[in-house]
Amino acid sequence: MSRHSLIDTDKKPPAPVKVNGVTISAQAIAQETQNHPASRPEVAWQAAAEALVIREALLQMAERREIEAAPQAVDSGKLETHEDARIRALVEQEVTTPEPDEDSCRRYYENNRNKLRTADLYEPAHILIQAHRDDTKNYEKCRNETCALIAHLTEQPHDFERIARDRSDCPSSSDGGRLGQVTKGQTTPDFERAMFQLGPGEMTREPVETPYGFHIIRVDRMERGYVPEFELARPLVEEFLRDASWRRAVAQFVSLVVGEARIEGVELNGASSPLVQ
């Protein structure tokens, strides 16, 4: 068998991706895949190709509209590219959305009260006995020490701040273990679960294990979240409705632009603009 017989000569290279006759290079698509992580290479390629097709279609429309725009600073502090600025200006020119009215704001408020509820606020203090699971002997020693401290603090709760200053391995030890005000998501999941089970003035009765070691947690103060009155919540509701309306309008505009373009080499699977991700 010759080495040439091992090569599938019947397999054709993929057709080039084109938008209205303009080719998007395979190199550009390969580079774009890093922005579209996926479990399979072909999925990443498809997403990258779709994104570049949309971008090219929008840029071609901006060219036809003779749109130019100066790059602006984005969230990262860097300036937009010239192409990004043109796409932004195109969308700003072509997409308009109505301002939310009283009825739509009230309707959203009544149907989404839980989403508007403010976060529960906690003021915890803790004592951390640092320990690592890979050091089995010391890990158990630290657990036992934490249990002993809990037993002592159950009888002598006024010693919490002193023990935190003398023994805690957290920088908060200098303030008696106080962590300030925290809300959901600001501490580790295990710490958070234990804290949520405590009321004001209560302390954990078992060591709380986290990747940092063992904690003794006390909640000094807690305020339950609440749903603000409509007039107070209205600016937030208006912002949400305005953003949602803009996203829908941009998605529709992109679909229209892509639908009018002649796309070759890739079939779009309901792709939307990166502008509305």
C-alpha atoms as a PDB file:
ATOM      1  CA  MET A   1       0.000   0.000   0.000  1.00  0.00           C
ATOM      2  CA  SER A   2       1.480   3.343  -0.972  1.00  0.00           C
ATOM      3  CA  ARG A   3       1.462   6.219   1.459  1.00  0.00           C
ATOM      4  CA  HIS A   4      -0.739   8.153  -0.964  1.00  0.00           C
ATOM      5  CA  SER A   5      -3.527   5.602  -0.529  1.00  0.00           C
ATOM      6  CA  LEU A   6      -3.758   6.599   3.160  1.00  0.00           C
ATOM      7  CA  ILE A   7      -4.834  10.096   2.223  1.00  0.00           C
ATOM      8  CA  ASP A   8      -8.507  10.764   1.595  1.00  0.00           C
ATOM      9  CA  THR A   9      -8.204  12.584  -1.702  1.00  0.00           C
ATOM     10  CA  ASP A  10     -11.990  12.720  -2.086  1.00  0.00           C
ATOM     11  CA  LYS A  11     -12.439  14.913   0.976  1.00  0.00           C
ATOM     12  CA  LYS A  12     -13.039  18.476  -0.151  1.00  0.00           C
ATOM     13  CA  PRO A  13     -11.809  21.482   1.846  1.00  0.00           C
ATOM     14  CA  PRO A  14     -14.607  23.487   3.496  1.00  0.00           C
ATOM     15  CA  ALA A  15     -16.176  26.124   1.320  1.00  0.00           C
ATOM     16  CA  PRO A  16     -14.944  29.650   2.067  1.00  0.00           C
ATOM     17  CA  VAL A  17     -17.228  31.778   4.241  1.00  0.00           C
ATOM     18  CA  LYS A  18     -18.454  34.833   2.358  1.00  0.00           C
ATOM     19  CA  VAL A  19     -20.770  37.768   2.998  1.00  0.00           C
ATOM     20  CA  ASN A  20     -22.018  39.409  -0.203  1.00  0.00           C
ATOM     21  CA  GLY A  21     -18.939  38.074  -1.963  1.00  0.00           C
ATOM     22  CA  VAL A  22     -16.453  39.229   0.696  1.00  0.00           C
ATOM     23  CA  THR A  23     -14.441  36.299   2.071  1.00  0.00           C
ATOM     24  CA  ILE A  24     -13.852  35.845   5.789  1.00  0.00           C
ATOM     25  CA  SER A  25     -10.534  34.050   6.078  1.00  0.00           C
ATOM     26  CA  ALA A  26     -10.189  30.697   7.800  1.00  0.00           C
ATOM     27  CA  GLN A  27      -7.439  32.290   9.898  1.00  0.00           C
ATOM     28  CA  ALA A  28      -9.808  34.982  11.156  1.00  0.00           C
ATOM     29  CA  ILE A  29     -12.398  32.360  12.102  1.00  0.00           C
ATOM     30  CA  ALA A  30      -9.779  30.241  13.873  1.00  0.00           C
ATOM     31  CA  GLN A  31      -8.634  33.275  15.854  1.00  0.00           C
ATOM     32  CA  GLU A  32     -12.216  34.194  16.755  1.00  0.00           C
ATOM     33  CA  THR A  33     -12.901  30.712  18.199  1.00  0.00           C
ATOM     34  CA  GLN A  34     -11.007  31.684  21.371  1.00  0.00           C
ATOM     35  CA  ASN A  35     -13.938  33.977  22.184  1.00  0.00           C
ATOM     36  CA  HIS A  36     -16.417  31.099  21.875  1.00  0.00           C
ATOM     37  CA  PRO A  37     -15.312  28.232  24.151  1.00  0.00           C
ATOM     38  CA  ALA A  38     -17.190  25.007  23.484  1.00  0.00           C
ATOM     39  CA  SER A  39     -16.969  21.287  24.225  1.00  0.00           C
ATOM     40  CA  ARG A  40     -16.320  20.476  20.555  1.00  0.00           C
ATOM     41  CA  PRO A  41     -14.132  22.332  18.020  1.00  0.00           C
ATOM     42  CA  GLU A  42     -16.860  22.355  15.384  1.00  0.00           C
ATOM     43  CA  VAL A  43     -19.248  24.114  17.764  1.00  0.00           C
ATOM     44  CA  ALA A  44     -16.651  26.803  18.512  1.00  0.00           C
ATOM     45  CA  TRP A  45     -15.978  27.185  14.768  1.00  0.00           C
ATOM     46  CA  GLN A  46     -19.684  27.590  14.028  1.00  0.00           C
ATOM     47  CA  ALA A  47     -20.113  30.265  16.724  1.00  0.00           C
ATOM     48  CA  ALA A  48     -16.999  32.111  15.559  1.00  0.00           C
ATOM     49  CA  ALA A  49     -18.073  32.026  11.923  1.00  0.00           C
ATOM     50  CA  GLU A  50     -21.543  33.303  12.803  1.00  0.00           C
ATOM     51  CA  ALA A  51     -20.105  36.177  14.851  1.00  0.00           C
ATOM     52  CA  LEU A  52     -17.784  37.256  12.029  1.00  0.00           C
ATOM     53  CA  VAL A  53     -20.538  36.955   9.424  1.00  0.00           C
ATOM     54  CA  ILE A  54     -22.759  39.254  11.477  1.00  0.00           C
ATOM     55  CA  ARG A  55     -19.899  41.695  11.995  1.00  0.00           C
ATOM     56  CA  GLU A  56     -19.089  41.773   8.298  1.00  0.00           C
ATOM     57  CA  ALA A  57     -22.744  42.275   7.338  1.00  0.00           C
ATOM     58  CA  LEU A  58     -23.043  45.200   9.761  1.00  0.00           C
ATOM     59  CA  LEU A  59     -19.799  46.747   8.551  1.00  0.00           C
ATOM     60  CA  GLN A  60     -20.954  46.503   4.952  1.00  0.00           C
ATOM     61  CA  MET A  61     -24.179  48.299   5.852  1.00  0.00           C
ATOM     62  CA  ALA A  62     -22.219  50.993   7.696  1.00  0.00           C
ATOM     63  CA  GLU A  63     -20.135  51.421   4.532  1.00  0.00           C
ATOM     64  CA  ARG A  64     -23.258  51.755   2.390  1.00  0.00           C
ATOM     65  CA  ARG A  65     -24.660  54.312   4.833  1.00  0.00           C
ATOM     66  CA  GLU A  66     -21.309  56.134   4.760  1.00  0.00           C
ATOM     67  CA  ILE A  67     -21.174  56.020   8.557  1.00  0.00           C
ATOM     68  CA  GLU A  68     -18.004  57.110  10.298  1.00  0.00           C
ATOM     69  CA  ALA A  69     -17.481  57.417  14.042  1.00  0.00           C
ATOM     70  CA  ALA A  70     -14.668  58.234  16.426  1.00  0.00           C
ATOM     71  CA  PRO A  71     -13.724  55.338  18.725  1.00  0.00           C
ATOM     72  CA  GLN A  72     -14.921  55.681  22.317  1.00  0.00           C
ATOM     73  CA  ALA A  73     -13.619  54.217  25.552  1.00  0.00           C
ATOM     74  CA  VAL A  74     -15.196  50.888  26.541  1.00  0.00           C
ATOM     75  CA  ASP A  75     -15.532  49.207  29.944  1.00  0.00           C
ATOM     76  CA  SER A  76     -11.934  47.997  29.977  1.00  0.00           C
ATOM     77  CA  GLY A  77     -10.714  51.565  29.536  1.00  0.00           C
ATOM     78  CA  LYS A  78      -9.426  50.802  26.042  1.00  0.00           C
ATOM     79  CA  LEU A  79     -10.679  52.507  22.906  1.00  0.00           C
ATOM     80  CA  GLU A  80     -12.981  50.786  20.445  1.00  0.00           C
ATOM     81  CA  THR A  81     -11.528  49.754  17.150  1.00  0.00           C
ATOM     82  CA  HIS A  82     -12.529  51.872  14.176  1.00  0.00           C
ATOM     83  CA  GLU A  83     -14.770  49.046  12.952  1.00  0.00           C
ATOM     84  CA  ASP A  84     -16.475  48.676  16.329  1.00  0.00           C
ATOM     85  CA  ALA A  85     -17.121  52.416  16.406  1.00  0.00           C
ATOM     86  CA  ARG A  86     -18.774  52.270  12.982  1.00  0.00           C
ATOM     87  CA  ILE A  87     -21.001  49.362  14.046  1.00  0.00           C
ATOM     88  CA  ARG A  88     -21.993  51.202  17.233  1.00  0.00           C
ATOM     89  CA  ALA A  89     -22.837  54.342  15.266  1.00  0.00           C
ATOM     90  CA  LEU A  90     -24.851  52.300  12.765  1.00  0.00           C
ATOM     91  CA  VAL A  91     -26.924  50.726  15.517  1.00  0.00           C
ATOM     92  CA  GLU A  92     -27.442  54.085  17.235  1.00  0.00           C
ATOM     93  CA  GLN A  93     -28.675  55.542  13.942  1.00  0.00           C
ATOM     94  CA  GLU A  94     -30.908  52.670  12.867  1.00  0.00           C
ATOM     95  CA  VAL A  95     -32.324  51.376  16.174  1.00  0.00           C
ATOM     96  CA  THR A  96     -34.794  53.368  18.220  1.00  0.00           C
ATOM     97  CA  THR A  97     -36.827  52.220  21.216  1.00  0.00           C
ATOM     98  CA  PRO A  98     -39.721  53.823  23.080  1.00  0.00           C
ATOM     99  CA  GLU A  99     -39.341  55.024  26.659  1.00  0.00           C
ATOM    100  CA  PRO A 100     -41.093  52.812  29.263  1.00  0.00           C
ATOM    101  CA  ASP A 101     -44.501  54.244  30.187  1.00  0.00           C
ATOM    102  CA  GLU A 102     -46.322  54.225  33.522  1.00  0.00           C
ATOM    103  CA  ASP A 103     -48.424  51.151  32.758  1.00  0.00           C
ATOM    104  CA  SER A 104     -45.502  48.981  31.613  1.00  0.00           C
ATOM    105  CA  CYS A 105     -43.440  50.003  34.642  1.00  0.00           C
ATOM    106  CA  ARG A 106     -46.227  49.171  37.080  1.00  0.00           C
ATOM    107  CA  ARG A 107     -46.937  45.884  35.322  1.00  0.00           C
ATOM    108  CA  TYR A 108     -43.285  44.837  35.578  1.00  0.00           C
ATOM    109  CA  TYR A 109     -43.148  45.962  39.210  1.00  0.00           C
ATOM    110  CA  GLU A 110     -46.169  43.881  40.204  1.00  0.00           C
ATOM    111  CA  ASN A 111     -45.013  40.783  38.316  1.00  0.00           C
ATOM    112  CA  ASN A 112     -41.378  40.871  39.473  1.00  0.00           C
ATOM    113  CA  ARG A 113     -41.468  42.011  43.081  1.00  0.00           C
ATOM    114  CA  ASN A 114     -39.050  39.276  44.186  1.00  0.00           C
ATOM    115  CA  LYS A 115     -36.468  40.413  41.632  1.00  0.00           C
ATOM    116  CA  LEU A 116     -36.666  43.939  43.054  1.00  0.00           C
ATOM    117  CA  ARG A 117     -36.239  42.822  46.646  1.00  0.00           C
ATOM    118  CA  THR A 118     -33.095  44.182  48.242  1.00  0.00           C
ATOM    119  CA  ALA A 119     -30.510  41.695  49.512  1.00  0.00           C
ATOM    120  CA  ASP A 120     -30.449  40.503  53.109  1.00  0.00           C
ATOM    121  CA  LEU A 121     -27.652  42.307  54.936  1.00  0.00           C
ATOM    122  CA  TYR A 122     -25.423  40.581  57.501  1.00  0.00           C
ATOM    123  CA  GLU A 123     -22.713  41.841  59.826  1.00  0.00           C
ATOM    124  CA  PRO A 124     -20.763  38.707  60.831  1.00  0.00           C
ATOM    125  CA  ALA A 125     -17.657  38.202  62.913  1.00  0.00           C
ATOM    126  CA  HIS A 126     -15.564  35.062  62.777  1.00  0.00           C
ATOM    127  CA  ILE A 127     -12.543  33.250  64.114  1.00  0.00           C
ATOM    128  CA  LEU A 128     -10.530  31.317  61.525  1.00  0.00           C
ATOM    129  CA  ILE A 129      -8.295  28.424  62.459  1.00  0.00           C
ATOM    130  CA  GLN A 130      -6.360  27.913  59.250  1.00  0.00           C
ATOM    131  CA  ALA A 131      -5.977  24.278  58.179  1.00  0.00           C
ATOM    132  CA  HIS A 132      -5.258  22.273  55.037  1.00  0.00           C
ATOM    133  CA  ARG A 133      -6.835  18.901  54.254  1.00  0.00           C
ATOM    134  CA  ASP A 134      -3.613  17.491  52.845  1.00  0.00           C
ATOM    135  CA  ASP A 135      -2.049  17.730  56.313  1.00  0.00           C
ATOM    136  CA  THR A 136      -4.338  15.164  57.967  1.00  0.00           C
ATOM    137  CA  LYS A 137      -2.793  15.225  61.433  1.00  0.00           C
ATOM    138  CA  ASN A 138      -2.776  19.022  61.732  1.00  0.00           C
ATOM    139  CA  TYR A 139      -6.240  19.226  60.159  1.00  0.00           C
ATOM    140  CA  GLU A 140      -7.764  17.145  62.938  1.00  0.00           C
ATOM    141  CA  LYS A 141      -5.787  19.088  65.542  1.00  0.00           C
ATOM    142  CA  CYS A 142      -7.251  22.349  64.207  1.00  0.00           C
ATOM    143  CA  ARG A 143     -10.753  20.867  64.210  1.00  0.00           C
ATOM    144  CA  ASN A 144     -10.358  19.844  67.839  1.00  0.00           C
ATOM    145  CA  GLU A 145      -9.032  23.286  68.749  1.00  0.00           C
ATOM    146  CA  THR A 146     -12.021  24.906  67.071  1.00  0.00           C
ATOM    147  CA  CYS A 147     -14.409  22.640  68.989  1.00  0.00           C
ATOM    148  CA  ALA A 148     -12.673  23.588  72.250  1.00  0.00           C
ATOM    149  CA  LEU A 149     -12.978  27.291  71.442  1.00  0.00           C
ATOM    150  CA  ILE A 150     -16.677  26.875  70.644  1.00  0.00           C
ATOM    151  CA  ALA A 151     -17.217  25.149  73.982  1.00  0.00           C
ATOM    152  CA  HIS A 152     -15.428  27.996  75.760  1.00  0.00           C
ATOM    153  CA  LEU A 153     -17.336  30.711  73.896  1.00  0.00           C
ATOM    154  CA  THR A 154     -20.637  29.013  74.632  1.00  0.00           C
ATOM    155  CA  GLU A 155     -19.877  29.601  78.319  1.00  0.00           C
ATOM    156  CA  GLN A 156     -17.963  32.865  77.902  1.00  0.00           C
ATOM    157  CA  PRO A 157     -19.358  34.635  74.787  1.00  0.00           C
ATOM    158  CA  HIS A 158     -17.765  37.952  75.782  1.00  0.00           C
ATOM    159  CA  ASP A 159     -14.335  36.417  74.984  1.00  0.00           C
ATOM    160  CA  PHE A 160     -15.068  36.280  71.205  1.00  0.00           C
ATOM    161  CA  GLU A 161     -13.256  39.505  70.258  1.00  0.00           C
ATOM    162  CA  ARG A 162     -10.231  38.709  72.451  1.00  0.00           C
ATOM    163  CA  ILE A 163      -9.845  35.203  71.007  1.00  0.00           C
ATOM    164  CA  ALA A 164     -10.306  36.544  67.476  1.00  0.00           C
ATOM    165  CA  ARG A 165      -7.514  39.064  68.008  1.00  0.00           C
ATOM    166  CA  ASP A 166      -5.209  36.508  69.648  1.00  0.00           C
ATOM    167  CA  ARG A 167      -5.896  33.382  67.584  1.00  0.00           C
ATOM    168  CA  SER A 168      -7.736  34.023  64.321  1.00  0.00           C
ATOM    169  CA  ASP A 169      -5.718  33.547  61.124  1.00  0.00           C
ATOM    170  CA  CYS A 170      -7.813  36.073  59.202  1.00  0.00           C
ATOM    171  CA  PRO A 171      -6.768  39.741  58.747  1.00  0.00           C
ATOM    172  CA  SER A 172     -10.093  40.621  60.391  1.00  0.00           C
ATOM    173  CA  SER A 173      -8.524  39.520  63.681  1.00  0.00           C
ATOM    174  CA  SER A 174      -7.296  43.079  64.207  1.00  0.00           C
ATOM    175  CA  ASP A 175     -10.955  44.164  64.428  1.00  0.00           C
ATOM    176  CA  GLY A 176     -12.086  41.354  66.700  1.00  0.00           C
ATOM    177  CA  GLY A 177     -13.056  39.156  63.742  1.00  0.00           C
ATOM    178  CA  ARG A 178     -15.612  41.603  62.326  1.00  0.00           C
ATOM    179  CA  LEU A 179     -16.101  41.326  58.554  1.00  0.00           C
ATOM    180  CA  GLY A 180     -18.297  44.373  58.059  1.00  0.00           C
ATOM    181  CA  GLN A 181     -21.464  44.233  55.992  1.00  0.00           C
ATOM    182  CA  VAL A 182     -21.836  41.306  53.599  1.00  0.00           C
ATOM    183  CA  THR A 183     -24.596  40.059  51.319  1.00  0.00           C
ATOM    184  CA  LYS A 184     -25.241  36.827  49.453  1.00  0.00           C
ATOM    185  CA  GLY A 185     -22.345  35.742  47.270  1.00  0.00           C
ATOM    186  CA  GLN A 186     -19.617  37.675  49.089  1.00  0.00           C
ATOM    187  CA  THR A 187     -18.335  34.782  51.219  1.00  0.00           C
ATOM    188  CA  THR A 188     -17.603  31.126  50.466  1.00  0.00           C
ATOM    189  CA  PRO A 189     -20.682  28.883  50.004  1.00  0.00           C
ATOM    190  CA  ASP A 190     -20.042  26.876  53.197  1.00  0.00           C
ATOM    191  CA  PHE A 191     -19.509  30.034  55.253  1.00  0.00           C
ATOM    192  CA  GLU A 192     -22.633  31.566  53.721  1.00  0.00           C
ATOM    193  CA  ARG A 193     -24.861  28.566  54.444  1.00  0.00           C
ATOM    194  CA  ALA A 194     -23.832  28.551  58.094  1.00  0.00           C
ATOM    195  CA  MET A 195     -24.258  32.318  58.418  1.00  0.00           C
ATOM    196  CA  PHE A 196     -27.750  32.237  56.891  1.00  0.00           C
ATOM    197  CA  GLN A 197     -28.895  29.831  59.618  1.00  0.00           C
ATOM    198  CA  LEU A 198     -28.001  32.272  62.391  1.00  0.00           C
ATOM    199  CA  GLY A 199     -30.068  35.060  63.877  1.00  0.00           C
ATOM    200  CA  PRO A 200     -28.681  38.268  65.376  1.00  0.00           C
ATOM    201  CA  GLY A 201     -26.397  37.481  68.328  1.00  0.00           C
ATOM    202  CA  GLU A 202     -26.170  33.763  67.516  1.00  0.00           C
ATOM    203  CA  MET A 203     -22.955  31.771  67.008  1.00  0.00           C
ATOM    204  CA  THR A 204     -22.271  28.501  65.228  1.00  0.00           C
ATOM    205  CA  ARG A 205     -22.088  25.468  67.551  1.00  0.00           C
ATOM    206  CA  GLU A 206     -19.979  23.322  65.207  1.00  0.00           C
ATOM    207  CA  PRO A 207     -16.815  24.141  63.234  1.00  0.00           C
ATOM    208  CA  VAL A 208     -17.655  25.523  59.803  1.00  0.00           C
ATOM    209  CA  GLU A 209     -15.303  23.996  57.221  1.00  0.00           C
ATOM    210  CA  THR A 210     -14.217  25.979  54.169  1.00  0.00           C
ATOM    211  CA  PRO A 211     -11.146  25.743  51.912  1.00  0.00           C
ATOM    212  CA  TYR A 212      -9.422  28.116  54.361  1.00  0.00           C
ATOM    213  CA  GLY A 213      -9.891  25.966  57.447  1.00  0.00           C
ATOM    214  CA  PHE A 214     -12.352  26.029  60.351  1.00  0.00           C
ATOM    215  CA  HIS A 215     -14.509  28.994  61.280  1.00  0.00           C
ATOM    216  CA  ILE A 216     -16.521  30.044  64.283  1.00  0.00           C
ATOM    217  CA  ILE A 217     -19.147  32.477  63.027  1.00  0.00           C
ATOM    218  CA  ARG A 218     -21.224  34.971  64.967  1.00  0.00           C
ATOM    219  CA  VAL A 219     -23.872  37.234  63.417  1.00  0.00           C
ATOM    220  CA  ASP A 220     -23.887  40.602  65.160  1.00  0.00           C
ATOM    221  CA  ARG A 221     -26.605  42.208  63.056  1.00  0.00           C
ATOM    222  CA  MET A 222     -28.957  41.246  60.262  1.00  0.00           C
ATOM    223  CA  GLU A 223     -31.445  43.165  58.145  1.00  0.00           C
ATOM    224  CA  ARG A 224     -33.901  41.344  55.933  1.00  0.00           C
ATOM    225  CA  GLY A 225     -34.262  42.616  52.389  1.00  0.00           C
ATOM    226  CA  TYR A 226     -37.461  44.313  51.318  1.00  0.00           C
ATOM    227  CA  VAL A 227     -39.349  45.300  48.179  1.00  0.00           C
ATOM    228  CA  PRO A 228     -39.162  49.087  47.796  1.00  0.00           C
ATOM    229  CA  GLU A 229     -42.272  51.107  47.048  1.00  0.00           C
ATOM    230  CA  PHE A 230     -43.033  51.587  43.364  1.00  0.00           C
ATOM    231  CA  GLU A 231     -41.805  55.185  43.171  1.00  0.00           C
ATOM    232  CA  LEU A 232     -38.455  54.208  44.685  1.00  0.00           C
ATOM    233  CA  ALA A 233     -38.120  51.159  42.429  1.00  0.00           C
ATOM    234  CA  ARG A 234     -39.262  52.930  39.265  1.00  0.00           C
ATOM    235  CA  PRO A 235     -35.799  54.136  38.104  1.00  0.00           C
ATOM    236  CA  LEU A 236     -34.516  50.547  38.292  1.00  0.00           C
ATOM    237  CA  VAL A 237     -37.622  49.221  36.512  1.00  0.00           C
ATOM    238  CA  GLU A 238     -37.271  51.834  33.767  1.00  0.00           C
ATOM    239  CA  GLU A 239     -33.608  50.936  33.287  1.00  0.00           C
ATOM    240  CA  PHE A 240     -34.427  47.228  32.977  1.00  0.00           C
ATOM    241  CA  LEU A 241     -37.303  47.794  30.522  1.00  0.00           C
ATOM    242  CA  ARG A 242     -35.238  50.233  28.477  1.00  0.00           C
ATOM    243  CA  ASP A 243     -32.375  47.748  28.260  1.00  0.00           C
ATOM    244  CA  ALA A 244     -34.660  44.821  27.406  1.00  0.00           C
ATOM    245  CA  SER A 245     -36.385  46.859  24.699  1.00  0.00           C
ATOM    246  CA  TRP A 246     -33.047  47.909  23.222  1.00  0.00           C
ATOM    247  CA  ARG A 247     -31.762  44.329  23.154  1.00  0.00           C
ATOM    248  CA  ARG A 248     -34.871  43.110  21.354  1.00  0.00           C
ATOM    249  CA  ALA A 249     -34.666  45.944  18.833  1.00  0.00           C
ATOM    250  CA  VAL A 250     -30.976  45.322  18.136  1.00  0.00           C
ATOM    251  CA  ALA A 251     -31.600  41.585  17.693  1.00  0.00           C
ATOM    252  CA  GLN A 252     -34.368  42.350  15.197  1.00  0.00           C
ATOM    253  CA  PHE A 253     -32.166  44.823  13.340  1.00  0.00           C
ATOM    254  CA  VAL A 254     -29.297  42.333  13.114  1.00  0.00           C
ATOM    255  CA  SER A 255     -31.663  39.629  11.862  1.00  0.00           C
ATOM    256  CA  LEU A 256     -32.876  42.011   9.166  1.00  0.00           C
ATOM    257  CA  VAL A 257     -29.344  42.946   8.074  1.00  0.00           C
ATOM    258  CA  VAL A 258     -28.170  39.331   7.958  1.00  0.00           C
ATOM    259  CA  GLY A 259     -31.361  38.233   6.241  1.00  0.00           C
ATOM    260  CA  GLU A 260     -30.732  40.673   3.400  1.00  0.00           C
ATOM    261  CA  ALA A 261     -27.099  39.551   2.984  1.00  0.00           C
ATOM    262  CA  ARG A 262     -25.899  36.733   0.727  1.00  0.00           C
ATOM    263  CA  ILE A 263     -24.182  34.285   3.082  1.00  0.00           C
ATOM    264  CA  GLU A 264     -21.998  31.450   1.752  1.00  0.00           C
ATOM    265  CA  GLY A 265     -20.009  28.725   3.481  1.00  0.00           C
ATOM    266  CA  VAL A 266     -21.907  28.698   6.773  1.00  0.00           C
ATOM    267  CA  GLU A 267     -25.518  28.311   7.803  1.00  0.00           C
ATOM    268  CA  LEU A 268     -26.531  30.660  10.592  1.00  0.00           C
ATOM    269  CA  ASN A 269     -28.297  28.950  13.496  1.00  0.00           C
ATOM    270  CA  GLY A 270     -30.328  31.819  14.819  1.00  0.00           C
ATOM    271  CA  ALA A 271     -27.223  33.816  15.690  1.00  0.00           C
ATOM    272  CA  SER A 272     -27.594  37.183  17.336  1.00  0.00           C
ATOM    273  CA  SER A 273     -25.265  40.140  17.446  1.00  0.00           C
ATOM    274  CA  PRO A 274     -22.469  40.262  20.048  1.00  0.00           C
ATOM    275  CA  LEU A 275     -23.950  43.661  20.851  1.00  0.00           C
ATOM    276  CA  VAL A 276     -26.837  42.023  22.689  1.00  0.00           C
ATOM    277  CA  GLN A 277     -25.047  39.263  24.578  1.00  0.00           C
END
